[in-house]
Every structure is written in structure tokens, then in C-alpha cells.
Amino acid sequence: MLEIDGYRHGHWSVVSVVGDLDLAGLPQFRSATGPLVNESKPRIVVDLTALDLLDSSGLGALLGLRRRVLRNGGEVRLVAPDDNVTALLHTVGFDRIFAISPTLGDAIGEDPNPASGVDGDPADA
């Protein structure tokens, strides 16, 4: 099962993936990320913190998202704090084409602490 939460964090669109990013979840992932890709110079962070499963279909979805975003002059970054997910991403060479960070704050280069005054933090909602 897949759940996706999207929100703005400063100049970044954050897509939090919860559950399984596999063949069954691809339509939902594409539906959630599609509108973001069409922005001018989209800046997207895919947060894999709560990911349970990432199969070859999910890897393909991330590659497809990157390809579409690059066409529009944007950037995609990944958040992967889990050692197993990070190891998988490195094994398949994603570290050569994506910036992969252990935290959202690292990925966007800002302090995600709500006390810092960063707009769009989900804790502010």
C-alpha cells in the first residue's frame, strides 16, 4: 500500500512516500508528482523516510520523474535515512544522478526546524 503526502517547503515541493513504491503504487506516484513536474524549473524532494519497499518499478518511477523534471529545467533530490534504502540506491547507481541526503534539511540546504521560521513546514499547518 502507498500513501503520498505533498507540501511546499520554501522553494521546494516535498513528496513524502509512505509504504510500498512498487508496480501497484505507480499510478498514485505519477498522479501526485505529475502537476509538480509541469511547474517552471520544478524543485522536488522525494522523501523516502517512511518507505517500506522499493522495487524495480519504483526505481523506474524515480528515474522517470527525474527525466521529466530535467526537461523543465528543474531538479530532483532524494531523502533516504534508512541504511537499506540508501545501500540500494547506491548499488543501482542513483547516487551518481541524484543528490541523496539523510534528512530533509540536508536535502534542501535549510534547517527544517519550525523554530527557524522556514515557510511551508508541515509542523506549521
N, C-alpha and C. Protein backbone atom coordinates (compact mmCIF):
# COMPACT_ATOMS: atom_id res chain seq x y z
N MET A 1 0.84 -1.18 0.00
CA MET A 1 0.00 0.00 0.00
C MET A 1 0.88 1.24 0.00
N LEU A 2 0.43 2.28 -0.68
CA LEU A 2 1.21 3.51 -0.81
C LEU A 2 0.37 4.71 -0.39
N GLU A 3 0.99 5.58 0.39
CA GLU A 3 0.40 6.87 0.74
C GLU A 3 1.40 7.94 0.35
N ILE A 4 0.90 9.02 -0.21
CA ILE A 4 1.77 10.12 -0.62
C ILE A 4 1.24 11.42 -0.04
N ASP A 5 2.13 12.17 0.57
CA ASP A 5 1.79 13.47 1.11
C ASP A 5 2.68 14.49 0.41
N GLY A 6 2.09 15.51 -0.13
CA GLY A 6 2.87 16.55 -0.79
C GLY A 6 2.64 17.90 -0.13
N TYR A 7 3.71 18.67 -0.01
CA TYR A 7 3.60 20.00 0.56
C TYR A 7 4.78 20.85 0.08
N ARG A 8 4.67 22.16 0.28
CA ARG A 8 5.75 23.09 -0.06
C ARG A 8 6.63 23.30 1.16
N HIS A 9 7.91 23.40 0.91
CA HIS A 9 8.88 23.72 1.95
C HIS A 9 9.84 24.74 1.35
N GLY A 10 9.55 26.01 1.59
CA GLY A 10 10.32 27.06 0.94
C GLY A 10 10.11 26.99 -0.56
N HIS A 11 11.21 26.89 -1.31
CA HIS A 11 11.14 26.83 -2.77
C HIS A 11 11.02 25.40 -3.29
N TRP A 12 10.90 24.46 -2.40
CA TRP A 12 10.87 23.04 -2.78
C TRP A 12 9.47 22.46 -2.63
N SER A 13 9.13 21.55 -3.54
CA SER A 13 7.95 20.70 -3.39
C SER A 13 8.45 19.40 -2.79
N VAL A 14 7.87 19.00 -1.66
CA VAL A 14 8.27 17.78 -0.98
C VAL A 14 7.19 16.73 -1.19
N VAL A 15 7.61 15.56 -1.64
CA VAL A 15 6.71 14.43 -1.83
C VAL A 15 7.16 13.34 -0.87
N SER A 16 6.37 13.11 0.19
CA SER A 16 6.69 12.07 1.17
C SER A 16 6.00 10.79 0.77
N VAL A 17 6.80 9.74 0.63
CA VAL A 17 6.30 8.44 0.21
C VAL A 17 6.24 7.53 1.43
N VAL A 18 5.05 6.99 1.71
CA VAL A 18 4.85 6.10 2.84
C VAL A 18 4.36 4.76 2.32
N GLY A 19 5.06 3.68 2.70
CA GLY A 19 4.63 2.36 2.29
C GLY A 19 5.47 1.80 1.16
N ASP A 20 4.80 1.22 0.16
CA ASP A 20 5.47 0.49 -0.91
C ASP A 20 5.44 1.26 -2.23
N LEU A 21 6.62 1.62 -2.72
CA LEU A 21 6.72 2.22 -4.05
C LEU A 21 7.06 1.08 -5.02
N ASP A 22 5.99 0.46 -5.51
CA ASP A 22 6.11 -0.70 -6.39
C ASP A 22 5.14 -0.55 -7.55
N LEU A 23 4.98 -1.59 -8.33
CA LEU A 23 4.12 -1.54 -9.51
C LEU A 23 2.71 -1.08 -9.17
N ALA A 24 2.17 -1.56 -8.07
CA ALA A 24 0.80 -1.21 -7.69
C ALA A 24 0.67 0.27 -7.34
N GLY A 25 1.74 0.89 -6.84
CA GLY A 25 1.67 2.28 -6.43
C GLY A 25 2.07 3.29 -7.50
N LEU A 26 2.51 2.81 -8.67
CA LEU A 26 2.98 3.74 -9.70
C LEU A 26 1.93 4.76 -10.14
N PRO A 27 0.69 4.35 -10.42
CA PRO A 27 -0.29 5.36 -10.84
C PRO A 27 -0.47 6.47 -9.80
N GLN A 28 -0.48 6.11 -8.54
CA GLN A 28 -0.65 7.11 -7.48
C GLN A 28 0.58 8.03 -7.41
N PHE A 29 1.77 7.46 -7.54
CA PHE A 29 3.00 8.28 -7.52
C PHE A 29 3.02 9.25 -8.69
N ARG A 30 2.69 8.76 -9.87
CA ARG A 30 2.68 9.62 -11.05
C ARG A 30 1.62 10.70 -10.95
N SER A 31 0.48 10.34 -10.39
CA SER A 31 -0.60 11.31 -10.22
C SER A 31 -0.19 12.42 -9.24
N ALA A 32 0.52 12.04 -8.19
CA ALA A 32 0.93 13.03 -7.18
C ALA A 32 2.06 13.91 -7.69
N THR A 33 2.95 13.37 -8.51
CA THR A 33 4.10 14.14 -8.96
C THR A 33 3.87 14.85 -10.29
N GLY A 34 2.89 14.41 -11.05
CA GLY A 34 2.63 14.99 -12.37
C GLY A 34 2.46 16.50 -12.38
N PRO A 35 1.60 17.06 -11.54
CA PRO A 35 1.42 18.52 -11.55
C PRO A 35 2.70 19.28 -11.16
N LEU A 36 3.52 18.69 -10.31
CA LEU A 36 4.75 19.35 -9.88
C LEU A 36 5.75 19.48 -11.02
N VAL A 37 5.77 18.48 -11.87
CA VAL A 37 6.71 18.44 -13.00
C VAL A 37 6.45 19.57 -13.97
N ASN A 38 5.19 19.97 -14.09
CA ASN A 38 4.82 20.98 -15.07
C ASN A 38 5.11 22.41 -14.63
N GLU A 39 5.60 22.58 -13.40
CA GLU A 39 5.99 23.90 -12.95
C GLU A 39 7.24 24.35 -13.71
N SER A 40 7.46 25.63 -13.75
CA SER A 40 8.69 26.15 -14.36
C SER A 40 9.85 25.87 -13.41
N LYS A 41 10.87 25.21 -13.91
CA LYS A 41 12.05 24.83 -13.12
C LYS A 41 11.66 24.18 -11.79
N PRO A 42 10.95 23.05 -11.85
CA PRO A 42 10.49 22.40 -10.62
C PRO A 42 11.65 21.95 -9.74
N ARG A 43 11.48 22.12 -8.45
CA ARG A 43 12.46 21.65 -7.45
C ARG A 43 11.69 20.70 -6.54
N ILE A 44 12.01 19.43 -6.67
CA ILE A 44 11.25 18.39 -5.96
C ILE A 44 12.19 17.57 -5.09
N VAL A 45 11.77 17.34 -3.85
CA VAL A 45 12.45 16.41 -2.95
C VAL A 45 11.49 15.26 -2.71
N VAL A 46 11.95 14.05 -3.00
CA VAL A 46 11.16 12.85 -2.70
C VAL A 46 11.70 12.29 -1.39
N ASP A 47 10.86 12.33 -0.37
CA ASP A 47 11.25 11.89 0.97
C ASP A 47 10.88 10.41 1.13
N LEU A 48 11.90 9.58 1.21
CA LEU A 48 11.72 8.13 1.32
C LEU A 48 11.87 7.64 2.76
N THR A 49 11.75 8.55 3.72
CA THR A 49 11.94 8.21 5.13
C THR A 49 11.01 7.09 5.58
N ALA A 50 9.76 7.11 5.17
CA ALA A 50 8.78 6.12 5.62
C ALA A 50 8.53 5.02 4.59
N LEU A 51 9.48 4.85 3.70
CA LEU A 51 9.36 3.83 2.66
C LEU A 51 9.53 2.43 3.26
N ASP A 52 8.63 1.52 2.90
CA ASP A 52 8.74 0.13 3.34
C ASP A 52 9.36 -0.76 2.26
N LEU A 53 9.04 -0.47 0.99
CA LEU A 53 9.51 -1.30 -0.10
C LEU A 53 9.76 -0.44 -1.33
N LEU A 54 10.88 -0.70 -1.99
CA LEU A 54 11.22 -0.02 -3.24
C LEU A 54 11.70 -1.09 -4.20
N ASP A 55 10.87 -1.37 -5.23
CA ASP A 55 11.26 -2.40 -6.20
C ASP A 55 11.69 -1.73 -7.51
N SER A 56 11.94 -2.54 -8.52
CA SER A 56 12.43 -2.00 -9.79
C SER A 56 11.43 -1.04 -10.43
N SER A 57 10.14 -1.26 -10.21
CA SER A 57 9.13 -0.33 -10.73
C SER A 57 9.24 1.03 -10.04
N GLY A 58 9.47 1.01 -8.75
CA GLY A 58 9.64 2.25 -8.00
C GLY A 58 10.90 2.99 -8.41
N LEU A 59 11.98 2.24 -8.63
CA LEU A 59 13.21 2.85 -9.12
C LEU A 59 12.97 3.50 -10.48
N GLY A 60 12.24 2.81 -11.34
CA GLY A 60 11.90 3.36 -12.65
C GLY A 60 11.06 4.62 -12.55
N ALA A 61 10.14 4.64 -11.57
CA ALA A 61 9.31 5.83 -11.37
C ALA A 61 10.16 7.03 -10.96
N LEU A 62 11.15 6.80 -10.11
CA LEU A 62 12.04 7.88 -9.70
C LEU A 62 12.86 8.39 -10.89
N LEU A 63 13.34 7.46 -11.71
CA LEU A 63 14.08 7.86 -12.92
C LEU A 63 13.20 8.65 -13.88
N GLY A 64 11.97 8.19 -14.06
CA GLY A 64 11.03 8.89 -14.94
C GLY A 64 10.73 10.29 -14.43
N LEU A 65 10.55 10.42 -13.13
CA LEU A 65 10.32 11.74 -12.53
C LEU A 65 11.51 12.65 -12.80
N ARG A 66 12.71 12.14 -12.59
CA ARG A 66 13.92 12.93 -12.83
C ARG A 66 14.00 13.38 -14.28
N ARG A 67 13.74 12.48 -15.20
CA ARG A 67 13.80 12.81 -16.63
C ARG A 67 12.83 13.94 -16.98
N ARG A 68 11.59 13.84 -16.49
CA ARG A 68 10.59 14.86 -16.79
C ARG A 68 10.94 16.21 -16.15
N VAL A 69 11.46 16.17 -14.93
CA VAL A 69 11.82 17.40 -14.24
C VAL A 69 13.01 18.08 -14.93
N LEU A 70 13.99 17.30 -15.34
CA LEU A 70 15.16 17.87 -16.03
C LEU A 70 14.75 18.54 -17.34
N ARG A 71 13.77 17.96 -18.03
CA ARG A 71 13.27 18.56 -19.27
C ARG A 71 12.73 19.97 -19.04
N ASN A 72 12.21 20.20 -17.83
CA ASN A 72 11.66 21.52 -17.49
C ASN A 72 12.65 22.37 -16.73
N GLY A 73 13.92 21.98 -16.74
CA GLY A 73 14.96 22.78 -16.12
C GLY A 73 15.01 22.70 -14.61
N GLY A 74 14.45 21.64 -14.04
CA GLY A 74 14.39 21.52 -12.59
C GLY A 74 15.38 20.53 -12.00
N GLU A 75 15.08 20.14 -10.79
CA GLU A 75 15.97 19.28 -10.02
C GLU A 75 15.16 18.37 -9.10
N VAL A 76 15.63 17.14 -8.94
CA VAL A 76 15.02 16.20 -8.00
C VAL A 76 16.10 15.74 -7.03
N ARG A 77 15.77 15.75 -5.77
CA ARG A 77 16.65 15.23 -4.72
C ARG A 77 15.90 14.17 -3.93
N LEU A 78 16.64 13.27 -3.31
CA LEU A 78 16.04 12.20 -2.53
C LEU A 78 16.47 12.30 -1.07
N VAL A 79 15.55 11.98 -0.15
CA VAL A 79 15.86 11.83 1.26
C VAL A 79 15.72 10.35 1.58
N ALA A 80 16.83 9.75 2.06
CA ALA A 80 16.83 8.32 2.36
C ALA A 80 17.67 8.06 3.60
N PRO A 81 17.05 8.16 4.80
CA PRO A 81 17.82 7.95 6.02
C PRO A 81 18.05 6.48 6.35
N ASP A 82 17.25 5.60 5.78
CA ASP A 82 17.36 4.17 6.08
C ASP A 82 18.58 3.58 5.37
N ASP A 83 19.41 2.86 6.12
CA ASP A 83 20.63 2.29 5.55
C ASP A 83 20.35 1.33 4.40
N ASN A 84 19.28 0.55 4.50
CA ASN A 84 18.96 -0.41 3.43
C ASN A 84 18.55 0.29 2.15
N VAL A 85 17.72 1.32 2.27
CA VAL A 85 17.29 2.07 1.09
C VAL A 85 18.48 2.79 0.48
N THR A 86 19.29 3.42 1.33
CA THR A 86 20.47 4.12 0.84
C THR A 86 21.42 3.16 0.12
N ALA A 87 21.62 1.98 0.70
CA ALA A 87 22.50 0.98 0.07
C ALA A 87 21.96 0.56 -1.29
N LEU A 88 20.64 0.37 -1.39
CA LEU A 88 20.03 0.01 -2.67
C LEU A 88 20.26 1.12 -3.69
N LEU A 89 20.00 2.36 -3.30
CA LEU A 89 20.17 3.49 -4.21
C LEU A 89 21.62 3.61 -4.69
N HIS A 90 22.56 3.35 -3.81
CA HIS A 90 23.98 3.39 -4.20
C HIS A 90 24.32 2.21 -5.11
N THR A 91 23.79 1.04 -4.81
CA THR A 91 24.07 -0.15 -5.60
C THR A 91 23.63 0.01 -7.05
N VAL A 92 22.48 0.63 -7.25
CA VAL A 92 21.97 0.80 -8.62
C VAL A 92 22.48 2.09 -9.28
N GLY A 93 23.34 2.82 -8.59
CA GLY A 93 23.97 3.99 -9.18
C GLY A 93 23.19 5.28 -9.08
N PHE A 94 22.14 5.30 -8.27
CA PHE A 94 21.35 6.52 -8.14
C PHE A 94 22.15 7.65 -7.51
N ASP A 95 23.18 7.32 -6.74
CA ASP A 95 23.99 8.36 -6.12
C ASP A 95 24.78 9.16 -7.16
N ARG A 96 24.88 8.65 -8.37
CA ARG A 96 25.57 9.38 -9.44
C ARG A 96 24.64 10.34 -10.17
N ILE A 97 23.32 10.17 -10.02
CA ILE A 97 22.39 11.03 -10.75
C ILE A 97 21.43 11.81 -9.86
N PHE A 98 21.34 11.42 -8.60
CA PHE A 98 20.51 12.13 -7.63
C PHE A 98 21.38 12.60 -6.47
N ALA A 99 21.03 13.73 -5.89
CA ALA A 99 21.58 14.10 -4.59
C ALA A 99 20.75 13.33 -3.57
N ILE A 100 21.41 12.49 -2.76
CA ILE A 100 20.73 11.68 -1.76
C ILE A 100 21.20 12.14 -0.39
N SER A 101 20.24 12.54 0.45
CA SER A 101 20.55 13.08 1.77
C SER A 101 19.85 12.27 2.86
N PRO A 102 20.41 12.29 4.07
CA PRO A 102 19.78 11.55 5.17
C PRO A 102 18.59 12.27 5.81
N THR A 103 18.49 13.59 5.61
CA THR A 103 17.38 14.35 6.20
C THR A 103 16.82 15.35 5.18
N LEU A 104 15.62 15.79 5.43
CA LEU A 104 15.01 16.81 4.57
C LEU A 104 15.82 18.10 4.64
N GLY A 105 16.25 18.48 5.83
CA GLY A 105 17.05 19.70 5.98
C GLY A 105 18.32 19.65 5.15
N ASP A 106 18.97 18.48 5.15
CA ASP A 106 20.17 18.33 4.33
C ASP A 106 19.84 18.42 2.84
N ALA A 107 18.72 17.85 2.46
CA ALA A 107 18.35 17.82 1.04
C ALA A 107 18.08 19.21 0.48
N ILE A 108 17.46 20.06 1.28
CA ILE A 108 17.11 21.39 0.78
C ILE A 108 18.08 22.46 1.24
N GLY A 109 19.05 22.07 2.05
CA GLY A 109 20.05 23.02 2.49
C GLY A 109 19.55 24.03 3.49
N GLU A 110 18.49 23.67 4.20
CA GLU A 110 17.92 24.56 5.21
C GLU A 110 17.66 23.78 6.48
N ASP A 111 17.50 24.50 7.55
CA ASP A 111 17.13 23.91 8.83
C ASP A 111 15.63 23.68 8.83
N PRO A 112 15.16 22.40 8.85
CA PRO A 112 13.72 22.15 8.81
C PRO A 112 13.01 22.38 10.14
N ASN A 113 13.73 22.85 11.16
CA ASN A 113 13.15 23.11 12.46
C ASN A 113 12.13 24.24 12.36
N PRO A 114 10.88 24.00 12.76
CA PRO A 114 9.86 25.06 12.66
C PRO A 114 10.26 26.34 13.38
N ALA A 115 11.10 26.24 14.40
CA ALA A 115 11.52 27.43 15.14
C ALA A 115 12.41 28.33 14.30
N SER A 116 12.94 27.77 13.20
CA SER A 116 13.82 28.57 12.35
C SER A 116 13.05 29.50 11.43
N GLY A 117 11.72 29.34 11.36
CA GLY A 117 10.91 30.23 10.54
C GLY A 117 10.83 29.84 9.07
N VAL A 118 11.18 28.60 8.74
CA VAL A 118 11.09 28.14 7.35
C VAL A 118 9.62 27.97 7.00
N ASP A 119 9.20 28.63 5.94
CA ASP A 119 7.81 28.53 5.50
C ASP A 119 7.51 27.16 4.95
N GLY A 120 6.27 26.72 5.12
CA GLY A 120 5.81 25.51 4.49
C GLY A 120 6.10 24.23 5.26
N ASP A 121 6.66 24.32 6.44
CA ASP A 121 6.93 23.11 7.21
C ASP A 121 5.61 22.50 7.64
N PRO A 122 5.44 21.17 7.50
CA PRO A 122 4.16 20.56 7.86
C PRO A 122 3.82 20.76 9.33
N ALA A 123 4.79 20.99 10.20
CA ALA A 123 4.51 21.23 11.59
C ALA A 123 3.80 22.56 11.81
N ASP A 124 3.92 23.46 10.83
CA ASP A 124 3.26 24.76 10.94
C ASP A 124 1.79 24.70 10.58
N ALA A 125 1.36 23.61 9.95
CA ALA A 125 -0.03 23.50 9.47
C ALA A 125 -0.99 23.30 10.60
